[in-house]
Amino acid sequence: MKCSYCGFKESKVIDSRATEDGETIRRRRECMQCGKRFTTYETIELTPILVVKSNGTRQAFDESKIKSGIVKACEKRPVPMYKIDKIVDDIKKQIYNSMEQEVSSKKIGEMVMTALMDLDEVAYVRFASVYRSFKDVSSFMKELEMLTKKAKNN
């Protein structure tokens, strides 16, 4: 690792610690030439994931879009933020663990709807109404009937 003070290319690691989130390692280093200390951070390099939209366009996966959609669906509902963050983290892990370089926006939407159905039925219906873009009342009623049947079976 190149020294940030003198530019020498050799240093030794003095201390290594995981950060609070556990996803990064903080390393204290000492330059072998000038003796000054500096800090580096090591993270896992993730393969970029592309989201294939319904119109065929592709864009980089952005977990903040998932979070904002869930937050909107849960607006004025008794859903704590840590549960929303957990859903986003779980979906992100599922996507990266699939080892696919591309994922459809439809698949992501289905993941969100599955998670919201277990979390809050009103938030689920809100999200589904936008995601499935109900054309009329009858399509909306079909979704509610399906939700009601599922609730009775549980």
N, C-alpha and C. Protein backbone atom coordinates (compact mmCIF):
# COMPACT_ATOMS: atom_id res chain seq x y z
N MET A 1 0.86 -1.17 0.00
CA MET A 1 0.00 0.00 0.00
C MET A 1 0.91 1.24 0.00
N LYS A 2 0.64 2.14 -0.90
CA LYS A 2 1.45 3.35 -1.07
C LYS A 2 1.21 4.33 0.09
N CYS A 3 2.30 4.84 0.67
CA CYS A 3 2.21 5.80 1.77
C CYS A 3 1.60 7.11 1.28
N SER A 4 0.65 7.63 2.03
CA SER A 4 -0.02 8.87 1.64
C SER A 4 0.85 10.10 1.92
N TYR A 5 1.98 9.93 2.64
CA TYR A 5 2.86 11.05 2.95
C TYR A 5 4.06 11.14 2.00
N CYS A 6 4.79 10.02 1.86
CA CYS A 6 6.01 10.06 1.05
C CYS A 6 5.90 9.29 -0.26
N GLY A 7 4.86 8.49 -0.42
CA GLY A 7 4.65 7.76 -1.66
C GLY A 7 5.37 6.43 -1.74
N PHE A 8 6.08 6.04 -0.68
CA PHE A 8 6.78 4.76 -0.66
C PHE A 8 5.75 3.63 -0.75
N LYS A 9 6.11 2.55 -1.47
CA LYS A 9 5.11 1.52 -1.78
C LYS A 9 5.05 0.37 -0.76
N GLU A 10 5.79 0.45 0.31
CA GLU A 10 5.74 -0.63 1.29
C GLU A 10 5.32 -0.08 2.65
N SER A 11 4.40 -0.82 3.28
CA SER A 11 3.96 -0.46 4.62
C SER A 11 3.64 -1.75 5.36
N LYS A 12 3.56 -1.64 6.67
CA LYS A 12 3.18 -2.81 7.45
C LYS A 12 1.89 -2.50 8.21
N VAL A 13 1.07 -3.53 8.37
CA VAL A 13 -0.19 -3.39 9.07
C VAL A 13 0.09 -3.48 10.56
N ILE A 14 -0.38 -2.45 11.30
CA ILE A 14 -0.18 -2.40 12.74
C ILE A 14 -1.41 -2.95 13.46
N ASP A 15 -2.59 -2.63 12.92
CA ASP A 15 -3.84 -3.02 13.58
C ASP A 15 -4.93 -3.21 12.52
N SER A 16 -5.78 -4.22 12.69
CA SER A 16 -6.93 -4.45 11.80
C SER A 16 -8.18 -4.65 12.65
N ARG A 17 -9.24 -3.96 12.26
CA ARG A 17 -10.52 -4.08 12.97
C ARG A 17 -11.66 -3.98 11.99
N ALA A 18 -12.71 -4.73 12.26
CA ALA A 18 -13.92 -4.61 11.46
C ALA A 18 -14.66 -3.35 11.90
N THR A 19 -15.31 -2.68 10.96
CA THR A 19 -16.12 -1.52 11.32
C THR A 19 -17.40 -2.02 11.98
N GLU A 20 -18.20 -1.09 12.49
CA GLU A 20 -19.42 -1.46 13.21
C GLU A 20 -20.38 -2.28 12.37
N ASP A 21 -20.51 -1.94 11.08
CA ASP A 21 -21.45 -2.68 10.23
C ASP A 21 -20.89 -4.04 9.81
N GLY A 22 -19.61 -4.29 10.05
CA GLY A 22 -19.01 -5.57 9.75
C GLY A 22 -18.71 -5.79 8.28
N GLU A 23 -18.91 -4.79 7.45
CA GLU A 23 -18.72 -4.96 6.02
C GLU A 23 -17.41 -4.36 5.51
N THR A 24 -16.67 -3.72 6.40
CA THR A 24 -15.42 -3.08 6.03
C THR A 24 -14.38 -3.38 7.10
N ILE A 25 -13.13 -3.53 6.68
CA ILE A 25 -12.03 -3.70 7.63
C ILE A 25 -11.18 -2.44 7.61
N ARG A 26 -10.94 -1.90 8.80
CA ARG A 26 -10.10 -0.71 8.96
C ARG A 26 -8.71 -1.19 9.34
N ARG A 27 -7.72 -0.72 8.60
CA ARG A 27 -6.33 -1.12 8.88
C ARG A 27 -5.47 0.12 9.17
N ARG A 28 -4.73 0.06 10.26
CA ARG A 28 -3.74 1.09 10.57
C ARG A 28 -2.43 0.57 10.02
N ARG A 29 -1.76 1.40 9.23
CA ARG A 29 -0.51 1.01 8.59
C ARG A 29 0.61 1.97 8.97
N GLU A 30 1.83 1.48 8.85
CA GLU A 30 3.01 2.30 9.09
C GLU A 30 3.93 2.18 7.89
N CYS A 31 4.34 3.34 7.35
CA CYS A 31 5.23 3.37 6.19
C CYS A 31 6.60 2.83 6.59
N MET A 32 7.17 1.98 5.74
CA MET A 32 8.47 1.37 6.02
C MET A 32 9.62 2.36 5.79
N GLN A 33 9.34 3.49 5.10
CA GLN A 33 10.40 4.46 4.82
C GLN A 33 10.35 5.63 5.80
N CYS A 34 9.20 6.34 5.87
CA CYS A 34 9.15 7.55 6.70
C CYS A 34 8.60 7.29 8.11
N GLY A 35 7.99 6.13 8.34
CA GLY A 35 7.51 5.78 9.67
C GLY A 35 6.16 6.39 10.05
N LYS A 36 5.59 7.19 9.17
CA LYS A 36 4.29 7.79 9.49
C LYS A 36 3.19 6.74 9.35
N ARG A 37 2.11 6.99 10.10
CA ARG A 37 0.99 6.05 10.10
C ARG A 37 -0.20 6.61 9.34
N PHE A 38 -0.95 5.72 8.71
CA PHE A 38 -2.15 6.11 7.98
C PHE A 38 -3.17 4.98 8.04
N THR A 39 -4.38 5.29 7.69
CA THR A 39 -5.48 4.32 7.77
C THR A 39 -5.98 3.98 6.38
N THR A 40 -6.26 2.70 6.16
CA THR A 40 -6.89 2.26 4.92
C THR A 40 -8.14 1.46 5.28
N TYR A 41 -9.04 1.36 4.33
CA TYR A 41 -10.27 0.59 4.51
C TYR A 41 -10.37 -0.44 3.41
N GLU A 42 -10.73 -1.65 3.78
CA GLU A 42 -10.85 -2.74 2.82
C GLU A 42 -12.32 -3.19 2.78
N THR A 43 -12.88 -3.26 1.57
CA THR A 43 -14.26 -3.72 1.40
C THR A 43 -14.30 -4.80 0.32
N ILE A 44 -15.36 -5.56 0.33
CA ILE A 44 -15.55 -6.58 -0.70
C ILE A 44 -15.94 -5.88 -1.99
N GLU A 45 -15.31 -6.29 -3.07
CA GLU A 45 -15.64 -5.73 -4.37
C GLU A 45 -16.85 -6.50 -4.91
N LEU A 46 -17.93 -5.77 -5.13
CA LEU A 46 -19.15 -6.39 -5.61
C LEU A 46 -19.22 -6.29 -7.13
N THR A 47 -19.71 -7.37 -7.74
CA THR A 47 -19.93 -7.36 -9.18
C THR A 47 -21.13 -6.46 -9.45
N PRO A 48 -21.00 -5.52 -10.37
CA PRO A 48 -22.14 -4.65 -10.62
C PRO A 48 -23.34 -5.44 -11.16
N ILE A 49 -24.51 -5.12 -10.64
CA ILE A 49 -25.75 -5.76 -11.06
C ILE A 49 -26.54 -4.76 -11.88
N LEU A 50 -27.07 -5.22 -13.00
CA LEU A 50 -27.92 -4.37 -13.83
C LEU A 50 -29.37 -4.80 -13.65
N VAL A 51 -30.25 -3.82 -13.57
CA VAL A 51 -31.68 -4.07 -13.49
C VAL A 51 -32.26 -3.88 -14.89
N VAL A 52 -32.96 -4.91 -15.35
CA VAL A 52 -33.59 -4.85 -16.66
C VAL A 52 -35.03 -4.38 -16.45
N LYS A 53 -35.30 -3.18 -16.94
CA LYS A 53 -36.63 -2.59 -16.79
C LYS A 53 -37.61 -3.25 -17.75
N SER A 54 -38.91 -3.01 -17.56
CA SER A 54 -39.94 -3.63 -18.39
C SER A 54 -39.86 -3.19 -19.85
N ASN A 55 -39.29 -2.01 -20.10
CA ASN A 55 -39.15 -1.54 -21.49
C ASN A 55 -37.84 -2.00 -22.14
N GLY A 56 -37.07 -2.84 -21.41
CA GLY A 56 -35.84 -3.39 -21.97
C GLY A 56 -34.58 -2.62 -21.64
N THR A 57 -34.71 -1.42 -21.10
CA THR A 57 -33.51 -0.65 -20.74
C THR A 57 -32.87 -1.25 -19.49
N ARG A 58 -31.60 -0.96 -19.33
CA ARG A 58 -30.85 -1.47 -18.18
C ARG A 58 -30.26 -0.30 -17.42
N GLN A 59 -30.25 -0.45 -16.10
CA GLN A 59 -29.60 0.55 -15.26
C GLN A 59 -28.99 -0.14 -14.06
N ALA A 60 -28.03 0.51 -13.44
CA ALA A 60 -27.33 -0.06 -12.28
C ALA A 60 -28.31 -0.27 -11.13
N PHE A 61 -28.12 -1.39 -10.43
CA PHE A 61 -28.94 -1.69 -9.25
C PHE A 61 -28.71 -0.61 -8.20
N ASP A 62 -29.81 -0.10 -7.65
CA ASP A 62 -29.74 0.96 -6.65
C ASP A 62 -30.71 0.63 -5.53
N GLU A 63 -30.17 0.19 -4.41
CA GLU A 63 -31.03 -0.23 -3.30
C GLU A 63 -31.85 0.93 -2.73
N SER A 64 -31.41 2.17 -2.94
CA SER A 64 -32.16 3.31 -2.42
C SER A 64 -33.53 3.44 -3.10
N LYS A 65 -33.63 2.96 -4.33
CA LYS A 65 -34.92 2.99 -5.03
C LYS A 65 -35.90 2.01 -4.38
N ILE A 66 -35.40 0.87 -3.97
CA ILE A 66 -36.25 -0.10 -3.28
C ILE A 66 -36.72 0.49 -1.96
N LYS A 67 -35.78 1.10 -1.24
CA LYS A 67 -36.12 1.67 0.06
C LYS A 67 -37.15 2.78 -0.08
N SER A 68 -36.98 3.67 -1.05
CA SER A 68 -37.92 4.78 -1.20
C SER A 68 -39.32 4.27 -1.55
N GLY A 69 -39.41 3.21 -2.37
CA GLY A 69 -40.70 2.63 -2.70
C GLY A 69 -41.38 2.03 -1.49
N ILE A 70 -40.61 1.35 -0.67
CA ILE A 70 -41.18 0.75 0.55
C ILE A 70 -41.59 1.83 1.54
N VAL A 71 -40.77 2.85 1.68
CA VAL A 71 -41.10 3.96 2.60
C VAL A 71 -42.40 4.62 2.18
N LYS A 72 -42.59 4.85 0.88
CA LYS A 72 -43.83 5.45 0.39
C LYS A 72 -45.03 4.56 0.69
N ALA A 73 -44.86 3.26 0.49
CA ALA A 73 -45.95 2.32 0.74
C ALA A 73 -46.30 2.25 2.23
N CYS A 74 -45.32 2.47 3.09
CA CYS A 74 -45.52 2.36 4.54
C CYS A 74 -45.84 3.70 5.19
N GLU A 75 -46.00 4.74 4.39
CA GLU A 75 -46.28 6.06 4.93
C GLU A 75 -47.53 6.03 5.82
N LYS A 76 -47.43 6.64 6.98
CA LYS A 76 -48.52 6.72 7.97
C LYS A 76 -48.98 5.35 8.45
N ARG A 77 -48.09 4.37 8.40
CA ARG A 77 -48.35 3.03 8.91
C ARG A 77 -47.41 2.77 10.08
N PRO A 78 -47.80 1.89 10.99
CA PRO A 78 -46.96 1.62 12.17
C PRO A 78 -45.81 0.65 11.85
N VAL A 79 -44.98 1.03 10.90
CA VAL A 79 -43.87 0.17 10.48
C VAL A 79 -42.56 0.88 10.85
N PRO A 80 -41.79 0.29 11.75
CA PRO A 80 -40.52 0.92 12.14
C PRO A 80 -39.48 0.85 11.02
N MET A 81 -38.63 1.84 10.99
CA MET A 81 -37.62 1.96 9.93
C MET A 81 -36.67 0.78 9.91
N TYR A 82 -36.37 0.20 11.06
CA TYR A 82 -35.43 -0.92 11.06
C TYR A 82 -35.99 -2.13 10.31
N LYS A 83 -37.31 -2.28 10.28
CA LYS A 83 -37.92 -3.38 9.52
C LYS A 83 -37.82 -3.10 8.01
N ILE A 84 -37.98 -1.85 7.63
CA ILE A 84 -37.81 -1.48 6.22
C ILE A 84 -36.37 -1.73 5.79
N ASP A 85 -35.43 -1.31 6.63
CA ASP A 85 -34.01 -1.53 6.32
C ASP A 85 -33.70 -3.02 6.21
N LYS A 86 -34.31 -3.83 7.05
CA LYS A 86 -34.10 -5.29 7.00
C LYS A 86 -34.61 -5.86 5.69
N ILE A 87 -35.78 -5.40 5.24
CA ILE A 87 -36.32 -5.88 3.96
C ILE A 87 -35.37 -5.52 2.83
N VAL A 88 -34.90 -4.28 2.83
CA VAL A 88 -33.98 -3.82 1.77
C VAL A 88 -32.70 -4.66 1.80
N ASP A 89 -32.14 -4.88 2.99
CA ASP A 89 -30.93 -5.69 3.11
C ASP A 89 -31.16 -7.11 2.63
N ASP A 90 -32.30 -7.70 3.00
CA ASP A 90 -32.60 -9.08 2.58
C ASP A 90 -32.72 -9.18 1.07
N ILE A 91 -33.40 -8.22 0.46
CA ILE A 91 -33.55 -8.23 -1.00
C ILE A 91 -32.20 -8.04 -1.67
N LYS A 92 -31.41 -7.12 -1.15
CA LYS A 92 -30.07 -6.88 -1.70
C LYS A 92 -29.22 -8.16 -1.63
N LYS A 93 -29.28 -8.86 -0.50
CA LYS A 93 -28.52 -10.10 -0.34
C LYS A 93 -29.01 -11.16 -1.32
N GLN A 94 -30.32 -11.28 -1.48
CA GLN A 94 -30.87 -12.27 -2.42
C GLN A 94 -30.37 -11.99 -3.84
N ILE A 95 -30.37 -10.73 -4.21
CA ILE A 95 -29.94 -10.35 -5.56
C ILE A 95 -28.46 -10.65 -5.76
N TYR A 96 -27.61 -10.25 -4.83
CA TYR A 96 -26.18 -10.49 -4.97
C TYR A 96 -25.84 -11.97 -4.84
N ASN A 97 -26.56 -12.70 -3.99
CA ASN A 97 -26.29 -14.13 -3.82
C ASN A 97 -26.76 -14.97 -5.00
N SER A 98 -27.62 -14.41 -5.83
CA SER A 98 -28.10 -15.16 -6.99
C SER A 98 -26.99 -15.35 -8.03
N MET A 99 -25.93 -14.56 -7.93
CA MET A 99 -24.78 -14.62 -8.83
C MET A 99 -25.15 -14.24 -10.27
N GLU A 100 -26.30 -13.65 -10.46
CA GLU A 100 -26.71 -13.17 -11.78
C GLU A 100 -26.18 -11.75 -11.96
N GLN A 101 -25.81 -11.39 -13.17
CA GLN A 101 -25.34 -10.04 -13.43
C GLN A 101 -26.49 -9.11 -13.78
N GLU A 102 -27.64 -9.71 -14.14
CA GLU A 102 -28.83 -8.92 -14.46
C GLU A 102 -30.03 -9.50 -13.71
N VAL A 103 -30.89 -8.60 -13.27
CA VAL A 103 -32.12 -9.01 -12.59
C VAL A 103 -33.24 -8.13 -13.13
N SER A 104 -34.40 -8.71 -13.32
CA SER A 104 -35.51 -7.93 -13.87
C SER A 104 -36.15 -7.09 -12.78
N SER A 105 -36.65 -5.94 -13.16
CA SER A 105 -37.35 -5.08 -12.20
C SER A 105 -38.59 -5.79 -11.70
N LYS A 106 -39.17 -6.66 -12.52
CA LYS A 106 -40.34 -7.43 -12.11
C LYS A 106 -40.00 -8.35 -10.94
N LYS A 107 -38.85 -9.00 -11.02
CA LYS A 107 -38.43 -9.90 -9.94
C LYS A 107 -38.22 -9.12 -8.64
N ILE A 108 -37.60 -7.95 -8.74
CA ILE A 108 -37.39 -7.12 -7.56
C ILE A 108 -38.73 -6.70 -6.98
N GLY A 109 -39.66 -6.29 -7.84
CA GLY A 109 -40.98 -5.89 -7.38
C GLY A 109 -41.70 -7.02 -6.67
N GLU A 110 -41.57 -8.23 -7.19
CA GLU A 110 -42.20 -9.39 -6.54
C GLU A 110 -41.57 -9.66 -5.17
N MET A 111 -40.26 -9.49 -5.07
CA MET A 111 -39.59 -9.66 -3.78
C MET A 111 -40.11 -8.66 -2.76
N VAL A 112 -40.27 -7.41 -3.19
CA VAL A 112 -40.78 -6.36 -2.31
C VAL A 112 -42.21 -6.69 -1.88
N MET A 113 -43.03 -7.11 -2.83
CA MET A 113 -44.43 -7.40 -2.50
C MET A 113 -44.54 -8.57 -1.53
N THR A 114 -43.72 -9.59 -1.72
CA THR A 114 -43.73 -10.73 -0.79
C THR A 114 -43.36 -10.27 0.62
N ALA A 115 -42.35 -9.45 0.72
CA ALA A 115 -41.93 -8.95 2.04
C ALA A 115 -42.98 -8.05 2.67
N LEU A 116 -43.60 -7.19 1.86
CA LEU A 116 -44.63 -6.29 2.39
C LEU A 116 -45.89 -7.03 2.81
N MET A 117 -46.20 -8.11 2.13
CA MET A 117 -47.39 -8.88 2.48
C MET A 117 -47.27 -9.41 3.91
N ASP A 118 -46.06 -9.83 4.28
CA ASP A 118 -45.83 -10.33 5.64
C ASP A 118 -45.71 -9.20 6.65
N LEU A 119 -45.30 -8.02 6.21
CA LEU A 119 -45.05 -6.90 7.11
C LEU A 119 -46.31 -6.10 7.42
N ASP A 120 -47.01 -5.66 6.38
CA ASP A 120 -48.17 -4.78 6.57
C ASP A 120 -49.06 -4.87 5.33
N GLU A 121 -50.30 -5.34 5.51
CA GLU A 121 -51.19 -5.56 4.37
C GLU A 121 -51.56 -4.27 3.65
N VAL A 122 -51.71 -3.18 4.38
CA VAL A 122 -52.05 -1.91 3.75
C VAL A 122 -50.88 -1.43 2.88
N ALA A 123 -49.67 -1.55 3.41
CA ALA A 123 -48.48 -1.17 2.63
C ALA A 123 -48.37 -2.07 1.39
N TYR A 124 -48.70 -3.34 1.55
CA TYR A 124 -48.68 -4.26 0.41
C TYR A 124 -49.64 -3.79 -0.68
N VAL A 125 -50.87 -3.46 -0.30
CA VAL A 125 -51.88 -3.03 -1.28
C VAL A 125 -51.45 -1.73 -1.95
N ARG A 126 -50.88 -0.82 -1.18
CA ARG A 126 -50.40 0.44 -1.76
C ARG A 126 -49.32 0.17 -2.80
N PHE A 127 -48.34 -0.65 -2.42
CA PHE A 127 -47.25 -0.95 -3.34
C PHE A 127 -47.77 -1.68 -4.57
N ALA A 128 -48.64 -2.67 -4.35
CA ALA A 128 -49.19 -3.45 -5.46
C ALA A 128 -49.99 -2.58 -6.42
N SER A 129 -50.70 -1.60 -5.89
CA SER A 129 -51.51 -0.75 -6.76
C SER A 129 -50.65 0.06 -7.71
N VAL A 130 -49.48 0.46 -7.27
CA VAL A 130 -48.55 1.19 -8.15
C VAL A 130 -47.78 0.21 -9.02
N TYR A 131 -47.27 -0.86 -8.40
CA TYR A 131 -46.43 -1.83 -9.12
C TYR A 131 -47.22 -2.54 -10.22
N ARG A 132 -48.41 -2.97 -9.90
CA ARG A 132 -49.21 -3.70 -10.88
C ARG A 132 -50.05 -2.76 -11.73
N SER A 133 -50.01 -1.49 -11.43
CA SER A 133 -50.76 -0.44 -12.14
C SER A 133 -52.17 -0.90 -12.53
N PHE A 134 -52.98 -1.07 -11.49
CA PHE A 134 -54.36 -1.50 -11.69
C PHE A 134 -55.07 -0.56 -12.65
N LYS A 135 -55.72 -1.14 -13.62
CA LYS A 135 -56.41 -0.34 -14.64
C LYS A 135 -57.82 0.06 -14.20
N ASP A 136 -58.42 -0.77 -13.34
CA ASP A 136 -59.79 -0.49 -12.91
C ASP A 136 -60.03 -1.10 -11.53
N VAL A 137 -61.22 -0.90 -11.02
CA VAL A 137 -61.58 -1.37 -9.68
C VAL A 137 -61.59 -2.89 -9.62
N SER A 138 -62.02 -3.55 -10.69
CA SER A 138 -62.11 -5.01 -10.64
C SER A 138 -60.73 -5.66 -10.48
N SER A 139 -59.71 -5.14 -11.13
CA SER A 139 -58.37 -5.71 -10.96
C SER A 139 -57.86 -5.45 -9.53
N PHE A 140 -58.23 -4.32 -8.97
CA PHE A 140 -57.87 -4.01 -7.59
C PHE A 140 -58.58 -4.97 -6.63
N MET A 141 -59.86 -5.25 -6.92
CA MET A 141 -60.64 -6.15 -6.08
C MET A 141 -60.09 -7.58 -6.13
N LYS A 142 -59.62 -8.01 -7.29
CA LYS A 142 -59.03 -9.35 -7.41
C LYS A 142 -57.82 -9.48 -6.49
N GLU A 143 -57.01 -8.45 -6.44
CA GLU A 143 -55.83 -8.46 -5.58
C GLU A 143 -56.25 -8.52 -4.11
N LEU A 144 -57.27 -7.76 -3.74
CA LEU A 144 -57.77 -7.78 -2.36
C LEU A 144 -58.35 -9.14 -2.00
N GLU A 145 -59.07 -9.76 -2.94
CA GLU A 145 -59.64 -11.09 -2.70
C GLU A 145 -58.53 -12.11 -2.47
N MET A 146 -57.48 -12.04 -3.28
CA MET A 146 -56.34 -12.93 -3.11
C MET A 146 -55.69 -12.74 -1.74
N LEU A 147 -55.56 -11.51 -1.32
CA LEU A 147 -54.98 -11.20 -0.02
C LEU A 147 -55.88 -11.71 1.10
N THR A 148 -57.19 -11.57 0.95
CA THR A 148 -58.13 -12.04 1.95
C THR A 148 -58.08 -13.57 2.07
N LYS A 149 -58.03 -14.26 0.95
CA LYS A 149 -57.93 -15.73 0.96
C LYS A 149 -56.66 -16.17 1.67
N LYS A 150 -55.56 -15.49 1.39
CA LYS A 150 -54.30 -15.85 2.02
C LYS A 150 -54.37 -15.64 3.53
N ALA A 151 -55.01 -14.54 3.95
CA ALA A 151 -55.14 -14.25 5.37
C ALA A 151 -55.99 -15.32 6.08
N LYS A 152 -57.04 -15.80 5.40
CA LYS A 152 -57.88 -16.84 5.99
C LYS A 152 -57.15 -18.16 6.13
N ASN A 153 -56.25 -18.46 5.19
CA ASN A 153 -55.50 -19.71 5.23
C ASN A 153 -54.43 -19.71 6.30
N ASN A 154 -54.02 -18.53 6.72
CA ASN A 154 -52.97 -18.44 7.76
C ASN A 154 -53.58 -18.42 9.08
